[in-house]
Amino acid sequence: MLAKVFEVLQGFVQAVAVAVLITELAAEGTGAKGAEKKAQAIAKLREIFPPERLGAASWVWEPLANFLIDAVVAYANAKGFFVKSA
């Protein structure tokens, strides 16, 4: 049971990273910023990893998604992965 939880969580984290990357790449063309990019990342994540995949724990999808998106973006910014516009 615990192994399955970690497997699903790992998939969710990977999906968040992909959604953030897609959003960042798209933002280079659209000029989206901040909250708009986060909303786009949430929408993309819903496509990649719908809340229903969490079953009875689907209530935790949105808070976890928000937390992980912020964490991935903060990490990528700290490492200089995303180019900042002037």
PDB file of N, CA and C in Angstrom:
ATOM      1  N   MET A   1       0.821  -1.198   0.000  1.00  0.00           N
ATOM      2  CA  MET A   1       0.000   0.000   0.000  1.00  0.00           C
ATOM      3  C   MET A   1       0.863   1.259   0.000  1.00  0.00           C
ATOM      4  N   LEU A   2       1.840   1.316   0.902  1.00  0.00           N
ATOM      5  CA  LEU A   2       2.705   2.486   0.973  1.00  0.00           C
ATOM      6  C   LEU A   2       3.524   2.641  -0.307  1.00  0.00           C
ATOM      7  N   ALA A   3       3.943   1.531  -0.880  1.00  0.00           N
ATOM      8  CA  ALA A   3       4.690   1.583  -2.143  1.00  0.00           C
ATOM      9  C   ALA A   3       3.840   2.207  -3.238  1.00  0.00           C
ATOM     10  N   LYS A   4       2.567   1.886  -3.268  1.00  0.00           N
ATOM     11  CA  LYS A   4       1.653   2.453  -4.271  1.00  0.00           C
ATOM     12  C   LYS A   4       1.494   3.948  -4.060  1.00  0.00           C
ATOM     13  N   VAL A   5       1.400   4.386  -2.813  1.00  0.00           N
ATOM     14  CA  VAL A   5       1.284   5.810  -2.504  1.00  0.00           C
ATOM     15  C   VAL A   5       2.505   6.557  -3.025  1.00  0.00           C
ATOM     16  N   PHE A   6       3.695   6.014  -2.774  1.00  0.00           N
ATOM     17  CA  PHE A   6       4.914   6.669  -3.241  1.00  0.00           C
ATOM     18  C   PHE A   6       5.020   6.645  -4.763  1.00  0.00           C
ATOM     19  N   GLU A   7       4.530   5.606  -5.376  1.00  0.00           N
ATOM     20  CA  GLU A   7       4.541   5.510  -6.836  1.00  0.00           C
ATOM     21  C   GLU A   7       3.643   6.593  -7.445  1.00  0.00           C
ATOM     22  N   VAL A   8       2.459   6.764  -6.886  1.00  0.00           N
ATOM     23  CA  VAL A   8       1.531   7.781  -7.372  1.00  0.00           C
ATOM     24  C   VAL A   8       2.105   9.177  -7.112  1.00  0.00           C
ATOM     25  N   LEU A   9       2.667   9.391  -5.938  1.00  0.00           N
ATOM     26  CA  LEU A   9       3.260  10.683  -5.604  1.00  0.00           C
ATOM     27  C   LEU A   9       4.412  11.014  -6.544  1.00  0.00           C
ATOM     28  N   GLN A  10       5.235  10.040  -6.854  1.00  0.00           N
ATOM     29  CA  GLN A  10       6.344  10.255  -7.783  1.00  0.00           C
ATOM     30  C   GLN A  10       5.803  10.657  -9.159  1.00  0.00           C
ATOM     31  N   GLY A  11       4.772   9.971  -9.614  1.00  0.00           N
ATOM     32  CA  GLY A  11       4.159  10.322 -10.894  1.00  0.00           C
ATOM     33  C   GLY A  11       3.585  11.724 -10.883  1.00  0.00           C
ATOM     34  N   PHE A  12       3.005  12.115  -9.758  1.00  0.00           N
ATOM     35  CA  PHE A  12       2.431  13.455  -9.636  1.00  0.00           C
ATOM     36  C   PHE A  12       3.524  14.515  -9.700  1.00  0.00           C
ATOM     37  N   VAL A  13       4.614  14.301  -9.001  1.00  0.00           N
ATOM     38  CA  VAL A  13       5.729  15.255  -9.017  1.00  0.00           C
ATOM     39  C   VAL A  13       6.294  15.374 -10.429  1.00  0.00           C
ATOM     40  N   GLN A  14       6.434  14.261 -11.117  1.00  0.00           N
ATOM     41  CA  GLN A  14       6.932  14.288 -12.491  1.00  0.00           C
ATOM     42  C   GLN A  14       5.968  15.047 -13.399  1.00  0.00           C
ATOM     43  N   ALA A  15       4.673  14.830 -13.212  1.00  0.00           N
ATOM     44  CA  ALA A  15       3.674  15.531 -14.012  1.00  0.00           C
ATOM     45  C   ALA A  15       3.721  17.035 -13.750  1.00  0.00           C
ATOM     46  N   VAL A  16       3.942  17.423 -12.498  1.00  0.00           N
ATOM     47  CA  VAL A  16       4.072  18.845 -12.158  1.00  0.00           C
ATOM     48  C   VAL A  16       5.268  19.438 -12.887  1.00  0.00           C
ATOM     49  N   ALA A  17       6.392  18.748 -12.864  1.00  0.00           N
ATOM     50  CA  ALA A  17       7.591  19.257 -13.538  1.00  0.00           C
ATOM     51  C   ALA A  17       7.348  19.432 -15.036  1.00  0.00           C
ATOM     52  N   VAL A  18       6.678  18.480 -15.651  1.00  0.00           N
ATOM     53  CA  VAL A  18       6.372  18.573 -17.080  1.00  0.00           C
ATOM     54  C   VAL A  18       5.418  19.734 -17.347  1.00  0.00           C
ATOM     55  N   ALA A  19       4.382  19.880 -16.527  1.00  0.00           N
ATOM     56  CA  ALA A  19       3.413  20.966 -16.708  1.00  0.00           C
ATOM     57  C   ALA A  19       4.091  22.326 -16.566  1.00  0.00           C
ATOM     58  N   VAL A  20       4.985  22.465 -15.596  1.00  0.00           N
ATOM     59  CA  VAL A  20       5.700  23.728 -15.398  1.00  0.00           C
ATOM     60  C   VAL A  20       6.600  24.005 -16.595  1.00  0.00           C
ATOM     61  N   LEU A  21       7.299  23.012 -17.070  1.00  0.00           N
ATOM     62  CA  LEU A  21       8.186  23.194 -18.218  1.00  0.00           C
ATOM     63  C   LEU A  21       7.397  23.596 -19.462  1.00  0.00           C
ATOM     64  N   ILE A  22       6.296  22.922 -19.738  1.00  0.00           N
ATOM     65  CA  ILE A  22       5.460  23.265 -20.890  1.00  0.00           C
ATOM     66  C   ILE A  22       4.961  24.699 -20.770  1.00  0.00           C
ATOM     67  N   THR A  23       4.518  25.064 -19.580  1.00  0.00           N
ATOM     68  CA  THR A  23       4.014  26.412 -19.346  1.00  0.00           C
ATOM     69  C   THR A  23       5.100  27.456 -19.543  1.00  0.00           C
ATOM     70  N   GLU A  24       6.289  27.194 -19.035  1.00  0.00           N
ATOM     71  CA  GLU A  24       7.397  28.138 -19.193  1.00  0.00           C
ATOM     72  C   GLU A  24       7.778  28.306 -20.667  1.00  0.00           C
ATOM     73  N   LEU A  25       7.808  27.208 -21.384  1.00  0.00           N
ATOM     74  CA  LEU A  25       8.138  27.292 -22.812  1.00  0.00           C
ATOM     75  C   LEU A  25       7.067  28.063 -23.572  1.00  0.00           C
ATOM     76  N   ALA A  26       5.810  27.818 -23.260  1.00  0.00           N
ATOM     77  CA  ALA A  26       4.711  28.534 -23.914  1.00  0.00           C
ATOM     78  C   ALA A  26       4.740  30.017 -23.563  1.00  0.00           C
ATOM     79  N   ALA A  27       5.123  30.337 -22.341  1.00  0.00           N
ATOM     80  CA  ALA A  27       5.150  31.735 -21.885  1.00  0.00           C
ATOM     81  C   ALA A  27       6.182  32.561 -22.636  1.00  0.00           C
ATOM     82  N   GLU A  28       7.202  31.902 -23.154  1.00  0.00           N
ATOM     83  CA  GLU A  28       8.190  32.638 -23.950  1.00  0.00           C
ATOM     84  C   GLU A  28       7.532  33.260 -25.171  1.00  0.00           C
ATOM     85  N   GLY A  29       6.530  32.590 -25.720  1.00  0.00           N
ATOM     86  CA  GLY A  29       5.828  33.101 -26.886  1.00  0.00           C
ATOM     87  C   GLY A  29       4.658  34.006 -26.548  1.00  0.00           C
ATOM     88  N   THR A  30       3.980  33.712 -25.447  1.00  0.00           N
ATOM     89  CA  THR A  30       2.773  34.472 -25.094  1.00  0.00           C
ATOM     90  C   THR A  30       3.054  35.650 -24.172  1.00  0.00           C
ATOM     91  N   GLY A  31       4.165  35.608 -23.469  1.00  0.00           N
ATOM     92  CA  GLY A  31       4.488  36.672 -22.531  1.00  0.00           C
ATOM     93  C   GLY A  31       3.738  36.578 -21.215  1.00  0.00           C
ATOM     94  N   ALA A  32       3.132  35.428 -20.942  1.00  0.00           N
ATOM     95  CA  ALA A  32       2.395  35.247 -19.688  1.00  0.00           C
ATOM     96  C   ALA A  32       3.341  35.402 -18.504  1.00  0.00           C
ATOM     97  N   LYS A  33       2.792  35.867 -17.396  1.00  0.00           N
ATOM     98  CA  LYS A  33       3.595  36.087 -16.192  1.00  0.00           C
ATOM     99  C   LYS A  33       2.869  35.537 -14.969  1.00  0.00           C
ATOM    100  N   GLY A  34       3.625  35.295 -13.907  1.00  0.00           N
ATOM    101  CA  GLY A  34       3.132  34.972 -12.570  1.00  0.00           C
ATOM    102  C   GLY A  34       1.890  34.109 -12.451  1.00  0.00           C
ATOM    103  N   ALA A  35       0.821  34.728 -11.939  1.00  0.00           N
ATOM    104  CA  ALA A  35      -0.420  34.007 -11.650  1.00  0.00           C
ATOM    105  C   ALA A  35      -1.025  33.393 -12.911  1.00  0.00           C
ATOM    106  N   GLU A  36      -0.861  34.068 -14.034  1.00  0.00           N
ATOM    107  CA  GLU A  36      -1.381  33.539 -15.297  1.00  0.00           C
ATOM    108  C   GLU A  36      -0.651  32.243 -15.674  1.00  0.00           C
ATOM    109  N   LYS A  37       0.664  32.233 -15.497  1.00  0.00           N
ATOM    110  CA  LYS A  37       1.434  31.020 -15.779  1.00  0.00           C
ATOM    111  C   LYS A  37       1.055  29.902 -14.815  1.00  0.00           C
ATOM    112  N   LYS A  38       0.831  30.238 -13.555  1.00  0.00           N
ATOM    113  CA  LYS A  38       0.460  29.209 -12.582  1.00  0.00           C
ATOM    114  C   LYS A  38      -0.890  28.601 -12.954  1.00  0.00           C
ATOM    115  N   ALA A  39      -1.835  29.430 -13.365  1.00  0.00           N
ATOM    116  CA  ALA A  39      -3.143  28.928 -13.784  1.00  0.00           C
ATOM    117  C   ALA A  39      -3.004  28.021 -15.011  1.00  0.00           C
ATOM    118  N   GLN A  40      -2.126  28.400 -15.925  1.00  0.00           N
ATOM    119  CA  GLN A  40      -1.886  27.569 -17.108  1.00  0.00           C
ATOM    120  C   GLN A  40      -1.231  26.247 -16.718  1.00  0.00           C
ATOM    121  N   ALA A  41      -0.317  26.292 -15.765  1.00  0.00           N
ATOM    122  CA  ALA A  41       0.338  25.066 -15.299  1.00  0.00           C
ATOM    123  C   ALA A  41      -0.666  24.144 -14.615  1.00  0.00           C
ATOM    124  N   ILE A  42      -1.586  24.704 -13.830  1.00  0.00           N
ATOM    125  CA  ILE A  42      -2.625  23.907 -13.175  1.00  0.00           C
ATOM    126  C   ILE A  42      -3.508  23.244 -14.234  1.00  0.00           C
ATOM    127  N   ALA A  43      -3.888  24.003 -15.256  1.00  0.00           N
ATOM    128  CA  ALA A  43      -4.737  23.458 -16.323  1.00  0.00           C
ATOM    129  C   ALA A  43      -4.013  22.326 -17.061  1.00  0.00           C
ATOM    130  N   LYS A  44      -2.748  22.530 -17.362  1.00  0.00           N
ATOM    131  CA  LYS A  44      -1.970  21.500 -18.054  1.00  0.00           C
ATOM    132  C   LYS A  44      -1.822  20.271 -17.163  1.00  0.00           C
ATOM    133  N   LEU A  45      -1.591  20.487 -15.877  1.00  0.00           N
ATOM    134  CA  LEU A  45      -1.450  19.376 -14.941  1.00  0.00           C
ATOM    135  C   LEU A  45      -2.747  18.570 -14.860  1.00  0.00           C
ATOM    136  N   ARG A  46      -3.894  19.254 -14.910  1.00  0.00           N
ATOM    137  CA  ARG A  46      -5.190  18.548 -14.903  1.00  0.00           C
ATOM    138  C   ARG A  46      -5.311  17.613 -16.107  1.00  0.00           C
ATOM    139  N   GLU A  47      -4.724  18.019 -17.242  1.00  0.00           N
ATOM    140  CA  GLU A  47      -4.733  17.168 -18.434  1.00  0.00           C
ATOM    141  C   GLU A  47      -3.802  15.965 -18.253  1.00  0.00           C
ATOM    142  N   ILE A  48      -2.622  16.223 -17.712  1.00  0.00           N
ATOM    143  CA  ILE A  48      -1.600  15.179 -17.574  1.00  0.00           C
ATOM    144  C   ILE A  48      -1.935  14.207 -16.440  1.00  0.00           C
ATOM    145  N   PHE A  49      -2.377  14.757 -15.311  1.00  0.00           N
ATOM    146  CA  PHE A  49      -2.616  13.962 -14.102  1.00  0.00           C
ATOM    147  C   PHE A  49      -3.916  14.438 -13.454  1.00  0.00           C
ATOM    148  N   PRO A  50      -5.052  13.961 -13.954  1.00  0.00           N
ATOM    149  CA  PRO A  50      -6.334  14.432 -13.406  1.00  0.00           C
ATOM    150  C   PRO A  50      -6.517  14.056 -11.935  1.00  0.00           C
ATOM    151  N   PRO A  51      -7.240  14.883 -11.186  1.00  0.00           N
ATOM    152  CA  PRO A  51      -7.456  14.611  -9.758  1.00  0.00           C
ATOM    153  C   PRO A  51      -8.055  13.231  -9.490  1.00  0.00           C
ATOM    154  N   GLU A  52      -8.842  12.724 -10.418  1.00  0.00           N
ATOM    155  CA  GLU A  52      -9.487  11.424 -10.234  1.00  0.00           C
ATOM    156  C   GLU A  52      -8.479  10.290 -10.055  1.00  0.00           C
ATOM    157  N   ARG A  53      -7.262  10.481 -10.524  1.00  0.00           N
ATOM    158  CA  ARG A  53      -6.236   9.441 -10.363  1.00  0.00           C
ATOM    159  C   ARG A  53      -5.865   9.224  -8.912  1.00  0.00           C
ATOM    160  N   LEU A  54      -6.190  10.196  -8.060  1.00  0.00           N
ATOM    161  CA  LEU A  54      -5.884  10.056  -6.637  1.00  0.00           C
ATOM    162  C   LEU A  54      -7.006   9.349  -5.879  1.00  0.00           C
ATOM    163  N   GLY A  55      -8.066   9.014  -6.578  1.00  0.00           N
ATOM    164  CA  GLY A  55      -9.165   8.281  -5.945  1.00  0.00           C
ATOM    165  C   GLY A  55      -9.775   9.051  -4.786  1.00  0.00           C
ATOM    166  N   ALA A  56      -9.889   8.381  -3.646  1.00  0.00           N
ATOM    167  CA  ALA A  56     -10.507   8.981  -2.459  1.00  0.00           C
ATOM    168  C   ALA A  56      -9.701  10.176  -1.935  1.00  0.00           C
ATOM    169  N   ALA A  57      -8.442  10.254  -2.309  1.00  0.00           N
ATOM    170  CA  ALA A  57      -7.593  11.360  -1.853  1.00  0.00           C
ATOM    171  C   ALA A  57      -7.562  12.510  -2.859  1.00  0.00           C
ATOM    172  N   SER A  58      -8.531  12.559  -3.772  1.00  0.00           N
ATOM    173  CA  SER A  58      -8.523  13.610  -4.797  1.00  0.00           C
ATOM    174  C   SER A  58      -8.663  15.009  -4.196  1.00  0.00           C
ATOM    175  N   TRP A  59      -9.163  15.100  -2.971  1.00  0.00           N
ATOM    176  CA  TRP A  59      -9.288  16.400  -2.291  1.00  0.00           C
ATOM    177  C   TRP A  59      -7.932  17.061  -2.084  1.00  0.00           C
ATOM    178  N   VAL A  60      -6.867  16.275  -2.057  1.00  0.00           N
ATOM    179  CA  VAL A  60      -5.539  16.826  -1.800  1.00  0.00           C
ATOM    180  C   VAL A  60      -4.852  17.285  -3.093  1.00  0.00           C
ATOM    181  N   TRP A  61      -5.459  17.009  -4.252  1.00  0.00           N
ATOM    182  CA  TRP A  61      -4.837  17.309  -5.541  1.00  0.00           C
ATOM    183  C   TRP A  61      -4.473  18.782  -5.665  1.00  0.00           C
ATOM    184  N   GLU A  62      -5.439  19.679  -5.470  1.00  0.00           N
ATOM    185  CA  GLU A  62      -5.185  21.101  -5.695  1.00  0.00           C
ATOM    186  C   GLU A  62      -4.170  21.697  -4.715  1.00  0.00           C
ATOM    187  N   PRO A  63      -4.300  21.479  -3.397  1.00  0.00           N
ATOM    188  CA  PRO A  63      -3.275  22.041  -2.505  1.00  0.00           C
ATOM    189  C   PRO A  63      -1.883  21.483  -2.801  1.00  0.00           C
ATOM    190  N   LEU A  64      -1.820  20.202  -3.113  1.00  0.00           N
ATOM    191  CA  LEU A  64      -0.535  19.587  -3.430  1.00  0.00           C
ATOM    192  C   LEU A  64       0.013  20.134  -4.734  1.00  0.00           C
ATOM    193  N   ALA A  65      -0.840  20.302  -5.722  1.00  0.00           N
ATOM    194  CA  ALA A  65      -0.417  20.859  -7.008  1.00  0.00           C
ATOM    195  C   ALA A  65       0.140  22.271  -6.827  1.00  0.00           C
ATOM    196  N   ASN A  66      -0.573  23.106  -6.078  1.00  0.00           N
ATOM    197  CA  ASN A  66      -0.107  24.479  -5.839  1.00  0.00           C
ATOM    198  C   ASN A  66       1.244  24.496  -5.139  1.00  0.00           C
ATOM    199  N   PHE A  67       1.376  23.668  -4.115  1.00  0.00           N
ATOM    200  CA  PHE A  67       2.639  23.600  -3.377  1.00  0.00           C
ATOM    201  C   PHE A  67       3.782  23.138  -4.281  1.00  0.00           C
ATOM    202  N   LEU A  68       3.544  22.063  -5.023  1.00  0.00           N
ATOM    203  CA  LEU A  68       4.611  21.508  -5.854  1.00  0.00           C
ATOM    204  C   LEU A  68       4.984  22.422  -7.019  1.00  0.00           C
ATOM    205  N   ILE A  69       4.011  23.096  -7.611  1.00  0.00           N
ATOM    206  CA  ILE A  69       4.329  24.046  -8.683  1.00  0.00           C
ATOM    207  C   ILE A  69       5.217  25.152  -8.135  1.00  0.00           C
ATOM    208  N   ASP A  70       4.855  25.700  -6.980  1.00  0.00           N
ATOM    209  CA  ASP A  70       5.690  26.741  -6.367  1.00  0.00           C
ATOM    210  C   ASP A  70       7.094  26.217  -6.072  1.00  0.00           C
ATOM    211  N   ALA A  71       7.180  24.994  -5.577  1.00  0.00           N
ATOM    212  CA  ALA A  71       8.480  24.413  -5.235  1.00  0.00           C
ATOM    213  C   ALA A  71       9.331  24.179  -6.478  1.00  0.00           C
ATOM    214  N   VAL A  72       8.731  23.644  -7.532  1.00  0.00           N
ATOM    215  CA  VAL A  72       9.484  23.394  -8.773  1.00  0.00           C
ATOM    216  C   VAL A  72       9.957  24.706  -9.381  1.00  0.00           C
ATOM    217  N   VAL A  73       9.095  25.707  -9.417  1.00  0.00           N
ATOM    218  CA  VAL A  73       9.467  27.003  -9.978  1.00  0.00           C
ATOM    219  C   VAL A  73      10.568  27.659  -9.135  1.00  0.00           C
ATOM    220  N   ALA A  74      10.439  27.607  -7.815  1.00  0.00           N
ATOM    221  CA  ALA A  74      11.464  28.194  -6.940  1.00  0.00           C
ATOM    222  C   ALA A  74      12.812  27.502  -7.148  1.00  0.00           C
ATOM    223  N   TYR A  75      12.796  26.186  -7.235  1.00  0.00           N
ATOM    224  CA  TYR A  75      14.035  25.438  -7.456  1.00  0.00           C
ATOM    225  C   TYR A  75      14.645  25.797  -8.811  1.00  0.00           C
ATOM    226  N   ALA A  76      13.809  25.808  -9.851  1.00  0.00           N
ATOM    227  CA  ALA A  76      14.311  26.126 -11.188  1.00  0.00           C
ATOM    228  C   ALA A  76      14.860  27.551 -11.244  1.00  0.00           C
ATOM    229  N   ASN A  77      14.191  28.491 -10.592  1.00  0.00           N
ATOM    230  CA  ASN A  77      14.682  29.872 -10.549  1.00  0.00           C
ATOM    231  C   ASN A  77      16.008  29.959  -9.800  1.00  0.00           C
ATOM    232  N   ALA A  78      16.112  29.243  -8.674  1.00  0.00           N
ATOM    233  CA  ALA A  78      17.344  29.272  -7.883  1.00  0.00           C
ATOM    234  C   ALA A  78      18.525  28.706  -8.656  1.00  0.00           C
ATOM    235  N   LYS A  79      18.256  27.722  -9.503  1.00  0.00           N
ATOM    236  CA  LYS A  79      19.310  27.094 -10.296  1.00  0.00           C
ATOM    237  C   LYS A  79      19.549  27.823 -11.609  1.00  0.00           C
ATOM    238  N   GLY A  80      18.767  28.857 -11.899  1.00  0.00           N
ATOM    239  CA  GLY A  80      18.933  29.607 -13.134  1.00  0.00           C
ATOM    240  C   GLY A  80      18.416  28.875 -14.366  1.00  0.00           C
ATOM    241  N   PHE A  81      17.513  27.938 -14.140  1.00  0.00           N
ATOM    242  CA  PHE A  81      17.001  27.129 -15.255  1.00  0.00           C
ATOM    243  C   PHE A  81      16.112  27.963 -16.174  1.00  0.00           C
ATOM    244  N   PHE A  82      15.268  28.821 -15.599  1.00  0.00           N
ATOM    245  CA  PHE A  82      14.386  29.659 -16.390  1.00  0.00           C
ATOM    246  C   PHE A  82      15.050  31.007 -16.615  1.00  0.00           C
ATOM    247  N   VAL A  83      14.973  31.497 -17.833  1.00  0.00           N
ATOM    248  CA  VAL A  83      15.552  32.792 -18.186  1.00  0.00           C
ATOM    249  C   VAL A  83      14.591  33.875 -17.735  1.00  0.00           C
ATOM    250  N   LYS A  84      15.112  34.834 -16.983  1.00  0.00           N
ATOM    251  CA  LYS A  84      14.287  35.960 -16.514  1.00  0.00           C
ATOM    252  C   LYS A  84      14.315  37.060 -17.546  1.00  0.00           C
ATOM    253  N   SER A  85      13.138  37.626 -17.840  1.00  0.00           N
ATOM    254  CA  SER A  85      13.083  38.757 -18.775  1.00  0.00           C
ATOM    255  C   SER A  85      13.357  40.046 -18.012  1.00  0.00           C
ATOM    256  N   ALA A  86      13.926  40.987 -18.711  1.00  0.00           N
ATOM    257  CA  ALA A  86      14.271  42.266 -18.074  1.00  0.00           C
ATOM    258  C   ALA A  86      13.145  43.239 -18.077  1.00  0.00           C
TER     259      ALA A  86
END
